[in-house]
PDB file of N, CA and C in Angstrom:
ATOM      1  N   MET A   1      -3.887 -20.843  10.189  1.00  0.00           N
ATOM      2  CA  MET A   1      -4.447 -19.724   9.473  1.00  0.00           C
ATOM      3  C   MET A   1      -4.340 -20.029   7.978  1.00  0.00           C
ATOM      4  N   ASN A   2      -5.428 -19.900   7.275  1.00  0.00           N
ATOM      5  CA  ASN A   2      -5.378 -20.188   5.847  1.00  0.00           C
ATOM      6  C   ASN A   2      -4.937 -18.957   5.064  1.00  0.00           C
ATOM      7  N   LYS A   3      -4.725 -19.152   3.770  1.00  0.00           N
ATOM      8  CA  LYS A   3      -4.168 -18.106   2.923  1.00  0.00           C
ATOM      9  C   LYS A   3      -5.106 -16.911   2.786  1.00  0.00           C
ATOM     10  N   ILE A   4      -6.395 -17.155   2.698  1.00  0.00           N
ATOM     11  CA  ILE A   4      -7.357 -16.072   2.518  1.00  0.00           C
ATOM     12  C   ILE A   4      -7.398 -15.162   3.740  1.00  0.00           C
ATOM     13  N   SER A   5      -7.412 -15.717   4.934  1.00  0.00           N
ATOM     14  CA  SER A   5      -7.448 -14.884   6.133  1.00  0.00           C
ATOM     15  C   SER A   5      -6.141 -14.130   6.314  1.00  0.00           C
ATOM     16  N   SER A   6      -5.026 -14.697   5.855  1.00  0.00           N
ATOM     17  CA  SER A   6      -3.746 -14.006   5.930  1.00  0.00           C
ATOM     18  C   SER A   6      -3.744 -12.780   5.024  1.00  0.00           C
ATOM     19  N   ILE A   7      -4.282 -12.917   3.822  1.00  0.00           N
ATOM     20  CA  ILE A   7      -4.362 -11.791   2.890  1.00  0.00           C
ATOM     21  C   ILE A   7      -5.308 -10.732   3.436  1.00  0.00           C
ATOM     22  N   SER A   8      -6.431 -11.142   4.006  1.00  0.00           N
ATOM     23  CA  SER A   8      -7.387 -10.206   4.576  1.00  0.00           C
ATOM     24  C   SER A   8      -6.783  -9.453   5.752  1.00  0.00           C
ATOM     25  N   SER A   9      -5.995 -10.148   6.568  1.00  0.00           N
ATOM     26  CA  SER A   9      -5.357  -9.520   7.709  1.00  0.00           C
ATOM     27  C   SER A   9      -4.360  -8.460   7.259  1.00  0.00           C
ATOM     28  N   LYS A  10      -3.591  -8.765   6.215  1.00  0.00           N
ATOM     29  CA  LYS A  10      -2.628  -7.784   5.700  1.00  0.00           C
ATOM     30  C   LYS A  10      -3.342  -6.585   5.097  1.00  0.00           C
ATOM     31  N   SER A  11      -4.469  -6.815   4.446  1.00  0.00           N
ATOM     32  CA  SER A  11      -5.237  -5.732   3.859  1.00  0.00           C
ATOM     33  C   SER A  11      -5.775  -4.804   4.949  1.00  0.00           C
ATOM     34  N   ASN A  12      -6.287  -5.367   6.034  1.00  0.00           N
ATOM     35  CA  ASN A  12      -6.787  -4.546   7.134  1.00  0.00           C
ATOM     36  C   ASN A  12      -5.668  -3.761   7.792  1.00  0.00           C
ATOM     37  N   LEU A  13      -4.495  -4.375   7.917  1.00  0.00           N
ATOM     38  CA  LEU A  13      -3.351  -3.681   8.498  1.00  0.00           C
ATOM     39  C   LEU A  13      -2.932  -2.513   7.620  1.00  0.00           C
ATOM     40  N   TRP A  14      -2.945  -2.708   6.297  1.00  0.00           N
ATOM     41  CA  TRP A  14      -2.576  -1.629   5.380  1.00  0.00           C
ATOM     42  C   TRP A  14      -3.601  -0.496   5.450  1.00  0.00           C
ATOM     43  N   LYS A  15      -4.902  -0.832   5.562  1.00  0.00           N
ATOM     44  CA  LYS A  15      -5.920   0.209   5.645  1.00  0.00           C
ATOM     45  C   LYS A  15      -5.796   1.023   6.928  1.00  0.00           C
ATOM     46  N   LYS A  16      -5.354   0.387   8.009  1.00  0.00           N
ATOM     47  CA  LYS A  16      -5.222   1.107   9.274  1.00  0.00           C
ATOM     48  C   LYS A  16      -3.969   1.982   9.310  1.00  0.00           C
ATOM     49  N   GLY A  17      -2.845   1.501   8.821  1.00  0.00           N
ATOM     50  CA  GLY A  17      -1.599   2.239   8.950  1.00  0.00           C
ATOM     51  C   GLY A  17      -1.029   2.781   7.660  1.00  0.00           C
ATOM     52  N   GLY A  18      -1.586   2.384   6.531  1.00  0.00           N
ATOM     53  CA  GLY A  18      -1.042   2.803   5.247  1.00  0.00           C
ATOM     54  C   GLY A  18      -1.191   4.286   4.993  1.00  0.00           C
ATOM     55  N   GLY A  19      -2.310   4.844   5.392  1.00  0.00           N
ATOM     56  CA  GLY A  19      -2.535   6.275   5.176  1.00  0.00           C
ATOM     57  C   GLY A  19      -1.528   7.138   5.914  1.00  0.00           C
ATOM     58  N   ILE A  20      -1.185   6.726   7.101  1.00  0.00           N
ATOM     59  CA  ILE A  20      -0.195   7.470   7.882  1.00  0.00           C
ATOM     60  C   ILE A  20       1.164   7.408   7.190  1.00  0.00           C
ATOM     61  N   LEU A  21       1.521   6.226   6.691  1.00  0.00           N
ATOM     62  CA  LEU A  21       2.795   6.085   5.997  1.00  0.00           C
ATOM     63  C   LEU A  21       2.831   6.898   4.710  1.00  0.00           C
ATOM     64  N   VAL A  22       1.730   6.885   3.963  1.00  0.00           N
ATOM     65  CA  VAL A  22       1.666   7.641   2.707  1.00  0.00           C
ATOM     66  C   VAL A  22       1.778   9.136   2.978  1.00  0.00           C
ATOM     67  N   THR A  23       1.361   9.590   4.123  1.00  0.00           N
ATOM     68  CA  THR A  23       1.476  11.000   4.481  1.00  0.00           C
ATOM     69  C   THR A  23       2.866  11.333   5.020  1.00  0.00           C
ATOM     70  N   LEU A  24       3.409  10.468   5.845  1.00  0.00           N
ATOM     71  CA  LEU A  24       4.688  10.776   6.490  1.00  0.00           C
ATOM     72  C   LEU A  24       5.905  10.600   5.580  1.00  0.00           C
ATOM     73  N   ILE A  25       5.875   9.637   4.677  1.00  0.00           N
ATOM     74  CA  ILE A  25       7.044   9.387   3.829  1.00  0.00           C
ATOM     75  C   ILE A  25       7.372  10.604   2.953  1.00  0.00           C
ATOM     76  N   PRO A  26       6.408  11.212   2.234  1.00  0.00           N
ATOM     77  CA  PRO A  26       6.768  12.421   1.471  1.00  0.00           C
ATOM     78  C   PRO A  26       7.230  13.571   2.362  1.00  0.00           C
ATOM     79  N   LEU A  27       6.640  13.693   3.537  1.00  0.00           N
ATOM     80  CA  LEU A  27       7.060  14.743   4.459  1.00  0.00           C
ATOM     81  C   LEU A  27       8.517  14.563   4.859  1.00  0.00           C
ATOM     82  N   VAL A  28       8.896  13.340   5.180  1.00  0.00           N
ATOM     83  CA  VAL A  28      10.280  13.054   5.557  1.00  0.00           C
ATOM     84  C   VAL A  28      11.215  13.293   4.375  1.00  0.00           C
ATOM     85  N   ILE A  29      10.815  12.889   3.181  1.00  0.00           N
ATOM     86  CA  ILE A  29      11.660  13.099   2.003  1.00  0.00           C
ATOM     87  C   ILE A  29      11.860  14.587   1.728  1.00  0.00           C
ATOM     88  N   ILE A  30      10.803  15.372   1.859  1.00  0.00           N
ATOM     89  CA  ILE A  30      10.922  16.821   1.651  1.00  0.00           C
ATOM     90  C   ILE A  30      11.839  17.440   2.704  1.00  0.00           C
ATOM     91  N   GLU A  31      11.713  17.014   3.949  1.00  0.00           N
ATOM     92  CA  GLU A  31      12.575  17.554   5.006  1.00  0.00           C
ATOM     93  C   GLU A  31      14.042  17.173   4.792  1.00  0.00           C
ATOM     94  N   ILE A  32      14.283  15.930   4.383  1.00  0.00           N
ATOM     95  CA  ILE A  32      15.664  15.511   4.116  1.00  0.00           C
ATOM     96  C   ILE A  32      16.227  16.296   2.936  1.00  0.00           C
ATOM     97  N   ALA A  33      15.422  16.524   1.908  1.00  0.00           N
ATOM     98  CA  ALA A  33      15.876  17.301   0.754  1.00  0.00           C
ATOM     99  C   ALA A  33      16.191  18.736   1.162  1.00  0.00           C
ATOM    100  N   ALA A  34      15.367  19.317   2.015  1.00  0.00           N
ATOM    101  CA  ALA A  34      15.628  20.684   2.473  1.00  0.00           C
ATOM    102  C   ALA A  34      16.888  20.748   3.333  1.00  0.00           C
ATOM    103  N   TRP A  35      17.127  19.707   4.106  1.00  0.00           N
ATOM    104  CA  TRP A  35      18.317  19.661   4.953  1.00  0.00           C
ATOM    105  C   TRP A  35      19.579  19.484   4.107  1.00  0.00           C
ATOM    106  N   ALA A  36      19.434  18.812   2.956  1.00  0.00           N
ATOM    107  CA  ALA A  36      20.573  18.556   2.074  1.00  0.00           C
ATOM    108  C   ALA A  36      20.738  19.674   1.041  1.00  0.00           C
ATOM    109  N   TRP A  37      20.101  20.797   1.231  1.00  0.00           N
ATOM    110  CA  TRP A  37      20.206  21.971   0.368  1.00  0.00           C
ATOM    111  C   TRP A  37      19.667  21.730  -1.035  1.00  0.00           C
ATOM    112  N   ILE A  38      18.693  20.838  -1.152  1.00  0.00           N
ATOM    113  CA  ILE A  38      17.992  20.639  -2.422  1.00  0.00           C
ATOM    114  C   ILE A  38      16.681  21.400  -2.305  1.00  0.00           C
ATOM    115  N   ARG A  39      16.491  22.368  -3.188  1.00  0.00           N
ATOM    116  CA  ARG A  39      15.317  23.216  -3.081  1.00  0.00           C
ATOM    117  C   ARG A  39      14.155  22.634  -3.874  1.00  0.00           C
ATOM    118  N   ILE A  40      13.039  22.416  -3.202  1.00  0.00           N
ATOM    119  CA  ILE A  40      11.796  22.013  -3.856  1.00  0.00           C
ATOM    120  C   ILE A  40      10.963  23.289  -3.976  1.00  0.00           C
ATOM    121  N   PRO A  41      10.639  23.712  -5.211  1.00  0.00           N
ATOM    122  CA  PRO A  41      10.010  25.019  -5.401  1.00  0.00           C
ATOM    123  C   PRO A  41       8.690  25.209  -4.654  1.00  0.00           C
ATOM    124  N   ASN A  42       7.846  24.188  -4.630  1.00  0.00           N
ATOM    125  CA  ASN A  42       6.530  24.348  -4.017  1.00  0.00           C
ATOM    126  C   ASN A  42       6.115  23.045  -3.332  1.00  0.00           C
ATOM    127  N   PRO A  43       6.542  22.805  -2.082  1.00  0.00           N
ATOM    128  CA  PRO A  43       6.224  21.542  -1.421  1.00  0.00           C
ATOM    129  C   PRO A  43       4.769  21.351  -0.980  1.00  0.00           C
ATOM    130  N   PRO A  44       3.976  22.401  -0.722  1.00  0.00           N
ATOM    131  CA  PRO A  44       2.600  22.147  -0.275  1.00  0.00           C
ATOM    132  C   PRO A  44       1.752  21.306  -1.224  1.00  0.00           C
ATOM    133  N   PRO A  45       1.835  21.472  -2.561  1.00  0.00           N
ATOM    134  CA  PRO A  45       1.028  20.575  -3.410  1.00  0.00           C
ATOM    135  C   PRO A  45       1.436  19.106  -3.296  1.00  0.00           C
ATOM    136  N   ILE A  46       2.712  18.854  -3.053  1.00  0.00           N
ATOM    137  CA  ILE A  46       3.164  17.472  -2.867  1.00  0.00           C
ATOM    138  C   ILE A  46       2.551  16.894  -1.600  1.00  0.00           C
ATOM    139  N   LEU A  47       2.556  17.665  -0.530  1.00  0.00           N
ATOM    140  CA  LEU A  47       1.968  17.197   0.724  1.00  0.00           C
ATOM    141  C   LEU A  47       0.453  17.047   0.611  1.00  0.00           C
ATOM    142  N   LEU A  48      -0.188  17.966  -0.107  1.00  0.00           N
ATOM    143  CA  LEU A  48      -1.629  17.867  -0.311  1.00  0.00           C
ATOM    144  C   LEU A  48      -1.972  16.605  -1.098  1.00  0.00           C
ATOM    145  N   LEU A  49      -1.198  16.289  -2.116  1.00  0.00           N
ATOM    146  CA  LEU A  49      -1.421  15.073  -2.885  1.00  0.00           C
ATOM    147  C   LEU A  49      -1.238  13.833  -2.007  1.00  0.00           C
ATOM    148  N   ALA A  50      -0.242  13.855  -1.126  1.00  0.00           N
ATOM    149  CA  ALA A  50      -0.031  12.722  -0.220  1.00  0.00           C
ATOM    150  C   ALA A  50      -1.216  12.552   0.731  1.00  0.00           C
ATOM    151  N   ILE A  51      -1.761  13.648   1.212  1.00  0.00           N
ATOM    152  CA  ILE A  51      -2.908  13.577   2.117  1.00  0.00           C
ATOM    153  C   ILE A  51      -4.142  13.053   1.389  1.00  0.00           C
ATOM    154  N   VAL A  52      -4.371  13.518   0.171  1.00  0.00           N
ATOM    155  CA  VAL A  52      -5.519  13.042  -0.609  1.00  0.00           C
ATOM    156  C   VAL A  52      -5.359  11.548  -0.901  1.00  0.00           C
ATOM    157  N   LEU A  53      -4.159  11.112  -1.233  1.00  0.00           N
ATOM    158  CA  LEU A  53      -3.924   9.696  -1.486  1.00  0.00           C
ATOM    159  C   LEU A  53      -4.143   8.853  -0.230  1.00  0.00           C
ATOM    160  N   SER A  54      -3.718   9.365   0.917  1.00  0.00           N
ATOM    161  CA  SER A  54      -3.927   8.610   2.152  1.00  0.00           C
ATOM    162  C   SER A  54      -5.411   8.498   2.501  1.00  0.00           C
ATOM    163  N   VAL A  55      -6.181   9.533   2.224  1.00  0.00           N
ATOM    164  CA  VAL A  55      -7.628   9.480   2.457  1.00  0.00           C
ATOM    165  C   VAL A  55      -8.266   8.475   1.496  1.00  0.00           C
ATOM    166  N   PHE A  56      -7.798   8.464   0.258  1.00  0.00           N
ATOM    167  CA  PHE A  56      -8.324   7.515  -0.715  1.00  0.00           C
ATOM    168  C   PHE A  56      -8.013   6.081  -0.304  1.00  0.00           C
ATOM    169  N   ILE A  57      -6.804   5.840   0.185  1.00  0.00           N
ATOM    170  CA  ILE A  57      -6.411   4.497   0.615  1.00  0.00           C
ATOM    171  C   ILE A  57      -7.197   4.091   1.860  1.00  0.00           C
ATOM    172  N   GLY A  58      -7.328   5.001   2.811  1.00  0.00           N
ATOM    173  CA  GLY A  58      -8.014   4.679   4.060  1.00  0.00           C
ATOM    174  C   GLY A  58      -9.496   4.437   3.891  1.00  0.00           C
ATOM    175  N   GLY A  59     -10.107   5.154   2.982  1.00  0.00           N
ATOM    176  CA  GLY A  59     -11.538   5.000   2.750  1.00  0.00           C
ATOM    177  C   GLY A  59     -12.364   5.557   3.900  1.00  0.00           C
ATOM    178  N   LEU A  60     -13.626   5.261   3.856  1.00  0.00           N
ATOM    179  CA  LEU A  60     -14.528   5.711   4.920  1.00  0.00           C
ATOM    180  C   LEU A  60     -14.530   4.670   6.033  1.00  0.00           C
ATOM    181  N   ARG A  61     -14.474   5.129   7.245  1.00  0.00           N
ATOM    182  CA  ARG A  61     -14.488   4.188   8.379  1.00  0.00           C
ATOM    183  C   ARG A  61     -15.788   4.339   9.112  1.00  0.00           C
TER     184      ARG A  61
END
């Protein structure tokens, strides 16, 4: 496998699973913060931003 196909393969893998990770990581961080008694005043805008970013990363399929 040459270097170009390896980079392309990693890019396709990121496009397929990256959006899910970008959405789930902030959700997990917010839940851990809530469990640790750290109050986040307004978590929905953070989650909305994560969802918009994941859509931007995923692109149109």
